Amino acid sequence: MLRRLFFLAVGVFAFALPRAAADHATAKAVFQKLQSLAGDWEGKDADGMAVKTTFKVVISDTAVMETISPHGMEEMMTVYSVDRDGIALVHYCPTNNQPHMRVVPASADPKELSFDFLDAGNLPSPNAGHQHHLVLRFDDADHITETWTWRANGKDTPMVFHLSRKK
């Protein structure tokens, strides 16, 4: 009986190992797509107000740092990195909390990434205002759309930024 369980466990592990490697390869391919955003971007929010952002590949190519400056708001920073089979982010907000979000990409070349909230550092309560969701859409090589969802007291407010690569 013990011998049978051992071989079953080895078989399950051997079957899962290629799948995990494939999932990690997908995440790495998607991360390369994020790295390709390196540079300066500018555009408008949903109200037509100016917004600027910069993507920079940092820490020996293991992270992508985005610094975004929406009109009338303080600068915010988001750091993206590969996390096993997905992409994780930490968002540094002027409200002094740090939401953590994650996405597991369905393909190596997605049209968009939909990051889901996991938790947040320095968040006094779940009702306190924080960024709760991000959809990053790749319109083409020189155009992206970011839709951030701000959550406060259980109410969600989208913030949409249409951005073009600065030439």
C-alpha atoms as a PDB file:
ATOM      1  CA  MET A   1       0.000   0.000   0.000  1.00  0.00           C
ATOM      2  CA  LEU A   2       2.734   2.444   0.972  1.00  0.00           C
ATOM      3  CA  ARG A   3       4.621   1.599  -2.188  1.00  0.00           C
ATOM      4  CA  ARG A   4       1.529   2.291  -4.301  1.00  0.00           C
ATOM      5  CA  LEU A   5       1.052   5.700  -2.623  1.00  0.00           C
ATOM      6  CA  PHE A   6       4.685   6.543  -3.246  1.00  0.00           C
ATOM      7  CA  PHE A   7       4.398   5.804  -6.992  1.00  0.00           C
ATOM      8  CA  LEU A   8       1.113   7.693  -7.184  1.00  0.00           C
ATOM      9  CA  ALA A   9       2.741  10.741  -5.559  1.00  0.00           C
ATOM     10  CA  VAL A  10       5.728  10.541  -7.910  1.00  0.00           C
ATOM     11  CA  GLY A  11       3.361  10.269 -10.890  1.00  0.00           C
ATOM     12  CA  VAL A  12       1.326  13.292  -9.791  1.00  0.00           C
ATOM     13  CA  PHE A  13       4.513  15.306  -9.234  1.00  0.00           C
ATOM     14  CA  ALA A  14       5.912  14.259 -12.623  1.00  0.00           C
ATOM     15  CA  PHE A  15       2.651  15.279 -14.311  1.00  0.00           C
ATOM     16  CA  ALA A  16       2.433  18.627 -12.485  1.00  0.00           C
ATOM     17  CA  LEU A  17       6.057  19.641 -13.031  1.00  0.00           C
ATOM     18  CA  PRO A  18       5.769  20.268 -16.809  1.00  0.00           C
ATOM     19  CA  ARG A  19       2.519  22.193 -16.241  1.00  0.00           C
ATOM     20  CA  ALA A  20       4.156  24.421 -13.604  1.00  0.00           C
ATOM     21  CA  ALA A  21       7.122  25.040 -15.910  1.00  0.00           C
ATOM     22  CA  ALA A  22       4.748  25.947 -18.767  1.00  0.00           C
ATOM     23  CA  ASP A  23       2.791  28.315 -16.506  1.00  0.00           C
ATOM     24  CA  HIS A  24       6.024  29.988 -15.380  1.00  0.00           C
ATOM     25  CA  ALA A  25       7.133  30.322 -19.022  1.00  0.00           C
ATOM     26  CA  THR A  26       3.802  32.026 -19.829  1.00  0.00           C
ATOM     27  CA  ALA A  27       4.279  34.445 -16.931  1.00  0.00           C
ATOM     28  CA  LYS A  28       7.833  35.209 -18.109  1.00  0.00           C
ATOM     29  CA  ALA A  29       6.591  35.890 -21.663  1.00  0.00           C
ATOM     30  CA  VAL A  30       3.925  38.261 -20.325  1.00  0.00           C
ATOM     31  CA  PHE A  31       6.529  39.956 -18.149  1.00  0.00           C
ATOM     32  CA  GLN A  32       8.620  40.580 -21.276  1.00  0.00           C
ATOM     33  CA  LYS A  33       5.572  42.316 -22.726  1.00  0.00           C
ATOM     34  CA  LEU A  34       5.504  44.542 -19.626  1.00  0.00           C
ATOM     35  CA  GLN A  35       9.232  45.202 -20.040  1.00  0.00           C
ATOM     36  CA  SER A  36       8.569  46.343 -23.622  1.00  0.00           C
ATOM     37  CA  LEU A  37       6.589  49.264 -22.177  1.00  0.00           C
ATOM     38  CA  ALA A  38       9.853  50.867 -20.949  1.00  0.00           C
ATOM     39  CA  GLY A  39       9.895  54.569 -21.710  1.00  0.00           C
ATOM     40  CA  ASP A  40       7.749  57.660 -21.345  1.00  0.00           C
ATOM     41  CA  TRP A  41       4.019  57.696 -22.054  1.00  0.00           C
ATOM     42  CA  GLU A  42       1.444  60.481 -22.099  1.00  0.00           C
ATOM     43  CA  GLY A  43      -2.267  60.712 -22.614  1.00  0.00           C
ATOM     44  CA  LYS A  44      -5.571  61.658 -21.082  1.00  0.00           C
ATOM     45  CA  ASP A  45      -7.908  60.379 -18.438  1.00  0.00           C
ATOM     46  CA  ALA A  46     -11.627  59.738 -19.028  1.00  0.00           C
ATOM     47  CA  ASP A  47     -12.317  63.469 -18.449  1.00  0.00           C
ATOM     48  CA  GLY A  48      -9.719  64.577 -21.004  1.00  0.00           C
ATOM     49  CA  MET A  49      -7.185  65.701 -18.385  1.00  0.00           C
ATOM     50  CA  ALA A  50      -3.465  65.093 -19.007  1.00  0.00           C
ATOM     51  CA  VAL A  51      -1.691  62.095 -17.524  1.00  0.00           C
ATOM     52  CA  LYS A  52       1.931  60.980 -17.805  1.00  0.00           C
ATOM     53  CA  THR A  53       3.604  57.722 -16.888  1.00  0.00           C
ATOM     54  CA  THR A  54       7.049  56.183 -17.165  1.00  0.00           C
ATOM     55  CA  PHE A  55       7.898  52.491 -17.226  1.00  0.00           C
ATOM     56  CA  LYS A  56      11.419  51.485 -16.261  1.00  0.00           C
ATOM     57  CA  VAL A  57      12.959  47.996 -16.121  1.00  0.00           C
ATOM     58  CA  VAL A  58      14.848  47.720 -12.812  1.00  0.00           C
ATOM     59  CA  ILE A  59      16.644  45.337 -10.437  1.00  0.00           C
ATOM     60  CA  SER A  60      18.575  43.241 -12.987  1.00  0.00           C
ATOM     61  CA  ASP A  61      15.506  43.001 -15.239  1.00  0.00           C
ATOM     62  CA  THR A  62      13.377  41.357 -12.507  1.00  0.00           C
ATOM     63  CA  ALA A  63      10.909  44.211 -12.011  1.00  0.00           C
ATOM     64  CA  VAL A  64       9.150  46.924 -13.976  1.00  0.00           C
ATOM     65  CA  MET A  65       8.553  50.187 -12.143  1.00  0.00           C
ATOM     66  CA  GLU A  66       5.785  52.487 -13.319  1.00  0.00           C
ATOM     67  CA  THR A  67       5.509  56.052 -12.069  1.00  0.00           C
ATOM     68  CA  ILE A  68       2.208  57.647 -13.016  1.00  0.00           C
ATOM     69  CA  SER A  69       1.221  61.297 -12.636  1.00  0.00           C
ATOM     70  CA  PRO A  70      -2.477  61.963 -13.244  1.00  0.00           C
ATOM     71  CA  HIS A  71      -3.594  65.592 -13.528  1.00  0.00           C
ATOM     72  CA  GLY A  72      -4.393  67.091 -10.130  1.00  0.00           C
ATOM     73  CA  MET A  73      -3.122  64.076  -8.192  1.00  0.00           C
ATOM     74  CA  GLU A  74       0.127  63.178  -6.522  1.00  0.00           C
ATOM     75  CA  GLU A  75       2.524  60.808  -8.243  1.00  0.00           C
ATOM     76  CA  MET A  76       1.967  57.061  -7.698  1.00  0.00           C
ATOM     77  CA  MET A  77       4.328  54.140  -8.246  1.00  0.00           C
ATOM     78  CA  THR A  78       3.622  50.523  -9.146  1.00  0.00           C
ATOM     79  CA  VAL A  79       6.178  47.715  -9.258  1.00  0.00           C
ATOM     80  CA  TYR A  80       5.411  44.620 -11.372  1.00  0.00           C
ATOM     81  CA  SER A  81       7.272  41.293 -11.128  1.00  0.00           C
ATOM     82  CA  VAL A  82       6.937  37.617 -12.042  1.00  0.00           C
ATOM     83  CA  ASP A  83       5.350  35.600  -9.231  1.00  0.00           C
ATOM     84  CA  ARG A  84       5.508  31.855 -10.012  1.00  0.00           C
ATOM     85  CA  ASP A  85       2.779  31.360 -12.670  1.00  0.00           C
ATOM     86  CA  GLY A  86       1.602  34.973 -12.607  1.00  0.00           C
ATOM     87  CA  ILE A  87       2.468  38.635 -12.444  1.00  0.00           C
ATOM     88  CA  ALA A  88       2.261  40.438  -9.115  1.00  0.00           C
ATOM     89  CA  LEU A  89       2.208  44.142  -8.414  1.00  0.00           C
ATOM     90  CA  VAL A  90       2.616  46.415  -5.435  1.00  0.00           C
ATOM     91  CA  HIS A  91       1.087  49.866  -5.803  1.00  0.00           C
ATOM     92  CA  TYR A  92       2.518  52.720  -3.717  1.00  0.00           C
ATOM     93  CA  CYS A  93      -0.232  55.262  -3.204  1.00  0.00           C
ATOM     94  CA  PRO A  94      -0.190  58.829  -1.831  1.00  0.00           C
ATOM     95  CA  THR A  95      -2.812  57.617   0.684  1.00  0.00           C
ATOM     96  CA  ASN A  96       0.086  55.707   2.313  1.00  0.00           C
ATOM     97  CA  ASN A  97      -1.147  52.196   1.654  1.00  0.00           C
ATOM     98  CA  GLN A  98       0.356  49.554  -0.594  1.00  0.00           C
ATOM     99  CA  PRO A  99      -2.156  47.291  -2.384  1.00  0.00           C
ATOM    100  CA  HIS A 100      -0.861  43.937  -3.628  1.00  0.00           C
ATOM    101  CA  MET A 101      -2.525  42.510  -6.743  1.00  0.00           C
ATOM    102  CA  ARG A 102      -1.923  39.505  -8.964  1.00  0.00           C
ATOM    103  CA  VAL A 103      -2.945  38.038 -12.307  1.00  0.00           C
ATOM    104  CA  VAL A 104      -2.367  34.609 -13.829  1.00  0.00           C
ATOM    105  CA  PRO A 105      -2.243  35.213 -17.600  1.00  0.00           C
ATOM    106  CA  ALA A 106      -4.287  32.907 -19.804  1.00  0.00           C
ATOM    107  CA  SER A 107      -1.803  33.186 -22.682  1.00  0.00           C
ATOM    108  CA  ALA A 108       1.729  34.363 -23.406  1.00  0.00           C
ATOM    109  CA  ASP A 109       0.424  37.300 -25.463  1.00  0.00           C
ATOM    110  CA  PRO A 110      -2.698  38.631 -23.733  1.00  0.00           C
ATOM    111  CA  LYS A 111      -4.681  41.625 -24.961  1.00  0.00           C
ATOM    112  CA  GLU A 112      -5.154  42.669 -21.329  1.00  0.00           C
ATOM    113  CA  LEU A 113      -4.126  41.816 -17.797  1.00  0.00           C
ATOM    114  CA  SER A 114      -6.742  41.985 -15.047  1.00  0.00           C
ATOM    115  CA  PHE A 115      -5.024  42.267 -11.671  1.00  0.00           C
ATOM    116  CA  ASP A 116      -7.040  41.193  -8.625  1.00  0.00           C
ATOM    117  CA  PHE A 117      -6.592  42.585  -5.117  1.00  0.00           C
ATOM    118  CA  LEU A 118      -4.894  40.240  -2.639  1.00  0.00           C
ATOM    119  CA  ASP A 119      -4.234  42.458   0.364  1.00  0.00           C
ATOM    120  CA  ALA A 120      -2.590  45.756   1.240  1.00  0.00           C
ATOM    121  CA  GLY A 121       0.153  46.967   3.474  1.00  0.00           C
ATOM    122  CA  ASN A 122      -0.707  49.811   5.817  1.00  0.00           C
ATOM    123  CA  LEU A 123      -4.466  49.623   5.094  1.00  0.00           C
ATOM    124  CA  PRO A 124      -6.247  50.540   8.348  1.00  0.00           C
ATOM    125  CA  SER A 125      -9.490  48.769   7.336  1.00  0.00           C
ATOM    126  CA  PRO A 126     -11.045  47.224   4.205  1.00  0.00           C
ATOM    127  CA  ASN A 127     -13.287  50.317   3.959  1.00  0.00           C
ATOM    128  CA  ALA A 128     -10.334  52.708   3.756  1.00  0.00           C
ATOM    129  CA  GLY A 129      -9.731  54.101   0.266  1.00  0.00           C
ATOM    130  CA  HIS A 130      -7.318  52.053  -1.834  1.00  0.00           C
ATOM    131  CA  GLN A 131      -6.653  50.880  -5.377  1.00  0.00           C
ATOM    132  CA  HIS A 132      -8.489  47.562  -5.602  1.00  0.00           C
ATOM    133  CA  HIS A 133      -8.183  46.409  -9.210  1.00  0.00           C
ATOM    134  CA  LEU A 134      -6.212  47.178 -12.367  1.00  0.00           C
ATOM    135  CA  VAL A 135      -6.962  46.263 -15.959  1.00  0.00           C
ATOM    136  CA  LEU A 136      -3.974  46.958 -18.208  1.00  0.00           C
ATOM    137  CA  ARG A 137      -5.011  46.708 -21.853  1.00  0.00           C
ATOM    138  CA  PHE A 138      -2.444  46.511 -24.650  1.00  0.00           C
ATOM    139  CA  ASP A 139      -4.158  48.369 -27.500  1.00  0.00           C
ATOM    140  CA  ASP A 140      -1.031  48.082 -29.690  1.00  0.00           C
ATOM    141  CA  ALA A 141       2.749  48.497 -29.254  1.00  0.00           C
ATOM    142  CA  ASP A 142       2.403  52.260 -28.716  1.00  0.00           C
ATOM    143  CA  HIS A 143      -0.998  52.548 -26.984  1.00  0.00           C
ATOM    144  CA  ILE A 144      -2.240  51.171 -23.665  1.00  0.00           C
ATOM    145  CA  THR A 145      -5.250  51.772 -21.454  1.00  0.00           C
ATOM    146  CA  GLU A 146      -5.067  51.485 -17.684  1.00  0.00           C
ATOM    147  CA  THR A 147      -8.301  51.197 -15.716  1.00  0.00           C
ATOM    148  CA  TRP A 148      -7.676  51.485 -11.998  1.00  0.00           C
ATOM    149  CA  THR A 149     -10.524  50.813  -9.573  1.00  0.00           C
ATOM    150  CA  TRP A 150     -10.508  52.907  -6.412  1.00  0.00           C
ATOM    151  CA  ARG A 151     -12.500  51.312  -3.580  1.00  0.00           C
ATOM    152  CA  ALA A 152     -13.669  53.275  -0.533  1.00  0.00           C
ATOM    153  CA  ASN A 153     -16.456  52.273   1.852  1.00  0.00           C
ATOM    154  CA  GLY A 154     -17.425  49.413  -0.468  1.00  0.00           C
ATOM    155  CA  LYS A 155     -17.946  51.722  -3.461  1.00  0.00           C
ATOM    156  CA  ASP A 156     -15.841  51.280  -6.617  1.00  0.00           C
ATOM    157  CA  THR A 157     -14.809  54.234  -8.774  1.00  0.00           C
ATOM    158  CA  PRO A 158     -12.933  53.573 -12.040  1.00  0.00           C
ATOM    159  CA  MET A 159     -10.075  55.809 -13.165  1.00  0.00           C
ATOM    160  CA  VAL A 160      -9.289  55.318 -16.867  1.00  0.00           C
ATOM    161  CA  PHE A 161      -6.027  56.457 -18.472  1.00  0.00           C
ATOM    162  CA  HIS A 162      -5.506  56.276 -22.275  1.00  0.00           C
ATOM    163  CA  LEU A 163      -1.765  56.431 -22.912  1.00  0.00           C
ATOM    164  CA  SER A 164       0.480  56.711 -25.985  1.00  0.00           C
ATOM    165  CA  ARG A 165       4.192  56.044 -26.127  1.00  0.00           C
ATOM    166  CA  LYS A 166       6.078  59.341 -26.273  1.00  0.00           C
ATOM    167  CA  LYS A 167       8.247  59.469 -29.420  1.00  0.00           C
END
